[in-house]
Structures are given as structure tokens and as C-alpha cells.
């Protein structure tokens, strides 16, 4: 699947693009993503949303749990029903979302450090996780 990298509507932000690409190459259809923003009015941590059935999501969750000790941030896989834009029907969607850096740091720098660390270390590690999921199926 191809996507456009950039900051406009419908584009994939550069720092999250490797994770989006890995999820898509693993066979998942992504529906949202964010590289994280600490300078905006609303703080956003990195995340990627994708459609998956329960068995596929379970495989992603198990892979995530098996890597938790190698990630510098806490990541959570959350599921909900998402209204598909093109088909107009409800589908099971999942969001893999960063919830903050694990180490104790100054609260004033927590958000910026979380985003920087997630981009530098965790996004590549999670992209590798999705690549390995492809090889297992």
C-alpha cells in the first residue's frame, strides 16, 4: 500500500511512517496515525490505528507483550468499533498507542521526552514487530 508522507489531511507524518508501512506490509489496513506532538495545544503521543479481527489483534497483543521489556515507553493496544469511511459500515479497529516513557524524569519534560524516545527507539522496534508478524503467518 502506498501513502503520502507529510502533514496534510490524509498524509502520514514522517516519524510514524515506518510503523504505518510495517503494519500495512503485514496485511493490516491502517485508518489513523500520529507521530506525536508536544508543542500543540493538546499533547498527542505516537499511535497507529488499524483494522483487525480478534485473532489478528491477539497476535499483535502477544507480540507487544513479548517486547515490553525492550521498549522504552508503555504501549497499549485498544480496540473499538470504527465506522469505515469508504464502506460506511462498522469494523473492529485497534489503536496501538504510546502512553508515556517508563523512566522517572522531570514532569516538565515528560511529554517531550516521551515523544522523542518513542520516535527514536520504540517506533523502529514496533515496525520490526509487525515485520516479524508477517513472517509468522
C-alpha atoms as a PDB file:
ATOM      1  CA  UNK A   1       0.000   0.000   0.000  1.00  0.00           C
ATOM      2  CA  UNK A   2       1.238   3.444  -0.788  1.00  0.00           C
ATOM      3  CA  UNK A   3       0.747   6.593   1.217  1.00  0.00           C
ATOM      4  CA  UNK A   4       1.901  10.183   1.065  1.00  0.00           C
ATOM      5  CA  UNK A   5       4.267  11.403   3.766  1.00  0.00           C
ATOM      6  CA  UNK A   6       3.558  14.888   5.050  1.00  0.00           C
ATOM      7  CA  UNK A   7       1.471  16.905   7.454  1.00  0.00           C
ATOM      8  CA  UNK A   8      -1.703  17.468   5.423  1.00  0.00           C
ATOM      9  CA  UNK A   9      -5.040  15.722   5.820  1.00  0.00           C
ATOM     10  CA  UNK A  10      -4.758  12.132   4.638  1.00  0.00           C
ATOM     11  CA  UNK A  11      -0.954  12.162   4.784  1.00  0.00           C
ATOM     12  CA  UNK A  12       1.236  10.100   7.119  1.00  0.00           C
ATOM     13  CA  UNK A  13       3.599  12.070   9.335  1.00  0.00           C
ATOM     14  CA  UNK A  14       7.263  11.173   8.732  1.00  0.00           C
ATOM     15  CA  UNK A  15       8.202   9.876  12.207  1.00  0.00           C
ATOM     16  CA  UNK A  16       5.307   7.377  12.350  1.00  0.00           C
ATOM     17  CA  UNK A  17       5.565   6.353   8.668  1.00  0.00           C
ATOM     18  CA  UNK A  18       7.851   3.334   9.305  1.00  0.00           C
ATOM     19  CA  UNK A  19       5.298   1.855  11.719  1.00  0.00           C
ATOM     20  CA  UNK A  20       2.386   2.556   9.367  1.00  0.00           C
ATOM     21  CA  UNK A  21       4.300   0.992   6.492  1.00  0.00           C
ATOM     22  CA  UNK A  22       5.210  -2.105   8.530  1.00  0.00           C
ATOM     23  CA  UNK A  23       1.593  -2.576   9.641  1.00  0.00           C
ATOM     24  CA  UNK A  24       0.387  -2.260   6.051  1.00  0.00           C
ATOM     25  CA  UNK A  25       3.059  -4.627   4.730  1.00  0.00           C
ATOM     26  CA  UNK A  26       1.891  -7.124   7.377  1.00  0.00           C
ATOM     27  CA  UNK A  27      -1.554  -7.025   5.786  1.00  0.00           C
ATOM     28  CA  UNK A  28      -3.316  -4.559   8.093  1.00  0.00           C
ATOM     29  CA  UNK A  29      -5.314  -1.628   6.785  1.00  0.00           C
ATOM     30  CA  UNK A  30      -4.461   1.489   8.772  1.00  0.00           C
ATOM     31  CA  UNK A  31      -7.023   4.200   9.392  1.00  0.00           C
ATOM     32  CA  UNK A  32      -5.186   6.754  11.539  1.00  0.00           C
ATOM     33  CA  UNK A  33      -1.769   7.631  12.890  1.00  0.00           C
ATOM     34  CA  UNK A  34       0.108  10.362  14.712  1.00  0.00           C
ATOM     35  CA  UNK A  35       3.856  10.828  15.240  1.00  0.00           C
ATOM     36  CA  UNK A  36       3.234  12.688  18.499  1.00  0.00           C
ATOM     37  CA  UNK A  37       3.205  16.411  19.217  1.00  0.00           C
ATOM     38  CA  UNK A  38       4.399  18.156  22.379  1.00  0.00           C
ATOM     39  CA  UNK A  39       4.178  21.697  21.077  1.00  0.00           C
ATOM     40  CA  UNK A  40       0.480  21.669  20.189  1.00  0.00           C
ATOM     41  CA  UNK A  41      -2.323  22.983  22.367  1.00  0.00           C
ATOM     42  CA  UNK A  42      -3.215  19.349  23.020  1.00  0.00           C
ATOM     43  CA  UNK A  43      -0.397  16.870  23.734  1.00  0.00           C
ATOM     44  CA  UNK A  44      -0.522  13.785  21.499  1.00  0.00           C
ATOM     45  CA  UNK A  45       1.639  10.696  21.813  1.00  0.00           C
ATOM     46  CA  UNK A  46       2.529   8.481  18.839  1.00  0.00           C
ATOM     47  CA  UNK A  47      -0.102   5.976  17.723  1.00  0.00           C
ATOM     48  CA  UNK A  48      -1.301   3.929  14.769  1.00  0.00           C
ATOM     49  CA  UNK A  49      -4.822   2.657  14.169  1.00  0.00           C
ATOM     50  CA  UNK A  50      -5.613  -0.402  12.053  1.00  0.00           C
ATOM     51  CA  UNK A  51      -8.423  -2.830  11.329  1.00  0.00           C
ATOM     52  CA  UNK A  52      -8.019  -6.416  12.547  1.00  0.00           C
ATOM     53  CA  UNK A  53     -10.176  -9.325  13.590  1.00  0.00           C
ATOM     54  CA  UNK A  54      -9.817 -10.720  17.121  1.00  0.00           C
ATOM     55  CA  UNK A  55      -7.245 -13.378  16.198  1.00  0.00           C
ATOM     56  CA  UNK A  56      -5.064 -10.862  14.354  1.00  0.00           C
ATOM     57  CA  UNK A  57      -5.303  -8.388  17.243  1.00  0.00           C
ATOM     58  CA  UNK A  58      -4.430 -11.162  19.699  1.00  0.00           C
ATOM     59  CA  UNK A  59      -1.269 -11.912  17.686  1.00  0.00           C
ATOM     60  CA  UNK A  60      -0.296  -8.212  17.773  1.00  0.00           C
ATOM     61  CA  UNK A  61      -1.006  -8.056  21.511  1.00  0.00           C
ATOM     62  CA  UNK A  62       1.093 -11.150  22.260  1.00  0.00           C
ATOM     63  CA  UNK A  63       3.965  -9.773  20.180  1.00  0.00           C
ATOM     64  CA  UNK A  64       3.682  -6.461  22.066  1.00  0.00           C
ATOM     65  CA  UNK A  65       3.678  -8.163  25.471  1.00  0.00           C
ATOM     66  CA  UNK A  66       6.733 -10.191  24.476  1.00  0.00           C
ATOM     67  CA  UNK A  67       8.614  -6.942  23.641  1.00  0.00           C
ATOM     68  CA  UNK A  68       7.541  -4.761  26.556  1.00  0.00           C
ATOM     69  CA  UNK A  69      10.852  -5.127  28.381  1.00  0.00           C
ATOM     70  CA  UNK A  70      12.682  -3.886  25.255  1.00  0.00           C
ATOM     71  CA  UNK A  71      10.508  -0.782  24.782  1.00  0.00           C
ATOM     72  CA  UNK A  72      11.325   2.500  26.490  1.00  0.00           C
ATOM     73  CA  UNK A  73       7.700   3.632  26.628  1.00  0.00           C
ATOM     74  CA  UNK A  74       4.473   1.964  27.697  1.00  0.00           C
ATOM     75  CA  UNK A  75       2.311   0.984  24.717  1.00  0.00           C
ATOM     76  CA  UNK A  76      -1.306  -0.178  24.828  1.00  0.00           C
ATOM     77  CA  UNK A  77      -3.420  -1.923  22.217  1.00  0.00           C
ATOM     78  CA  UNK A  78      -7.032  -0.745  22.473  1.00  0.00           C
ATOM     79  CA  UNK A  79      -9.961  -1.978  20.421  1.00  0.00           C
ATOM     80  CA  UNK A  80     -13.288  -0.440  19.492  1.00  0.00           C
ATOM     81  CA  UNK A  81     -15.708  -0.324  16.632  1.00  0.00           C
ATOM     82  CA  UNK A  82     -14.797   2.209  13.951  1.00  0.00           C
ATOM     83  CA  UNK A  83     -17.076   3.476  11.200  1.00  0.00           C
ATOM     84  CA  UNK A  84     -15.275   2.707   7.939  1.00  0.00           C
ATOM     85  CA  UNK A  85     -15.096   5.800   5.748  1.00  0.00           C
ATOM     86  CA  UNK A  86     -15.404   4.116   2.370  1.00  0.00           C
ATOM     87  CA  UNK A  87     -17.886   1.332   3.142  1.00  0.00           C
ATOM     88  CA  UNK A  88     -19.862   3.213   5.777  1.00  0.00           C
ATOM     89  CA  UNK A  89     -20.014   0.109   7.992  1.00  0.00           C
ATOM     90  CA  UNK A  90     -18.738  -0.564  11.478  1.00  0.00           C
ATOM     91  CA  UNK A  91     -15.472  -2.522  11.725  1.00  0.00           C
ATOM     92  CA  UNK A  92     -13.300  -3.674  14.582  1.00  0.00           C
ATOM     93  CA  UNK A  93     -10.434  -1.193  14.836  1.00  0.00           C
ATOM     94  CA  UNK A  94      -7.388  -1.216  17.060  1.00  0.00           C
ATOM     95  CA  UNK A  95      -5.076   1.562  18.164  1.00  0.00           C
ATOM     96  CA  UNK A  96      -1.510   0.888  19.251  1.00  0.00           C
ATOM     97  CA  UNK A  97      -0.789   3.928  21.370  1.00  0.00           C
ATOM     98  CA  UNK A  98       2.126   5.211  23.409  1.00  0.00           C
ATOM     99  CA  UNK A  99       1.180   6.058  26.990  1.00  0.00           C
ATOM    100  CA  UNK A 100       4.433   7.558  28.240  1.00  0.00           C
ATOM    101  CA  UNK A 101       8.078   6.909  28.920  1.00  0.00           C
ATOM    102  CA  UNK A 102       8.799   4.310  31.601  1.00  0.00           C
ATOM    103  CA  UNK A 103      11.739   6.025  33.305  1.00  0.00           C
ATOM    104  CA  UNK A 104      11.320   8.609  36.037  1.00  0.00           C
ATOM    105  CA  UNK A 105      12.042  12.066  34.660  1.00  0.00           C
ATOM    106  CA  UNK A 106      11.174  15.654  35.440  1.00  0.00           C
ATOM    107  CA  UNK A 107       7.432  16.123  34.951  1.00  0.00           C
ATOM    108  CA  UNK A 108       8.022  19.291  32.928  1.00  0.00           C
ATOM    109  CA  UNK A 109       9.912  17.269  30.314  1.00  0.00           C
ATOM    110  CA  UNK A 110       7.766  14.120  30.403  1.00  0.00           C
ATOM    111  CA  UNK A 111       5.734  14.779  27.241  1.00  0.00           C
ATOM    112  CA  UNK A 112       8.610  15.919  25.028  1.00  0.00           C
ATOM    113  CA  UNK A 113      10.886  13.125  26.272  1.00  0.00           C
ATOM    114  CA  UNK A 114       8.148  10.512  25.725  1.00  0.00           C
ATOM    115  CA  UNK A 115       7.583  11.610  22.131  1.00  0.00           C
ATOM    116  CA  UNK A 116      11.295  11.895  21.318  1.00  0.00           C
ATOM    117  CA  UNK A 117      12.075   8.490  22.837  1.00  0.00           C
ATOM    118  CA  UNK A 118       9.100   6.777  21.214  1.00  0.00           C
ATOM    119  CA  UNK A 119      10.177   8.106  17.820  1.00  0.00           C
ATOM    120  CA  UNK A 120      13.846   7.201  18.244  1.00  0.00           C
ATOM    121  CA  UNK A 121      13.616   3.715  19.738  1.00  0.00           C
ATOM    122  CA  UNK A 122      10.114   2.315  20.017  1.00  0.00           C
ATOM    123  CA  UNK A 123       8.670   3.069  16.582  1.00  0.00           C
ATOM    124  CA  UNK A 124      11.520   1.170  14.855  1.00  0.00           C
ATOM    125  CA  UNK A 125      11.140  -1.704  17.348  1.00  0.00           C
ATOM    126  CA  UNK A 126       7.377  -1.880  16.773  1.00  0.00           C
ATOM    127  CA  UNK A 127       7.868  -1.744  12.998  1.00  0.00           C
ATOM    128  CA  UNK A 128      10.181  -4.759  13.381  1.00  0.00           C
ATOM    129  CA  UNK A 129       7.483  -6.451  15.472  1.00  0.00           C
ATOM    130  CA  UNK A 130       4.971  -6.089  12.632  1.00  0.00           C
ATOM    131  CA  UNK A 131       7.548  -7.350  10.121  1.00  0.00           C
ATOM    132  CA  UNK A 132       8.023 -10.474  12.241  1.00  0.00           C
ATOM    133  CA  UNK A 133       4.251 -10.977  12.422  1.00  0.00           C
ATOM    134  CA  UNK A 134       4.256 -11.120   8.627  1.00  0.00           C
ATOM    135  CA  UNK A 135       6.821 -13.904   8.633  1.00  0.00           C
ATOM    136  CA  UNK A 136       4.847 -15.955  11.168  1.00  0.00           C
ATOM    137  CA  UNK A 137       1.606 -16.011   9.190  1.00  0.00           C
END
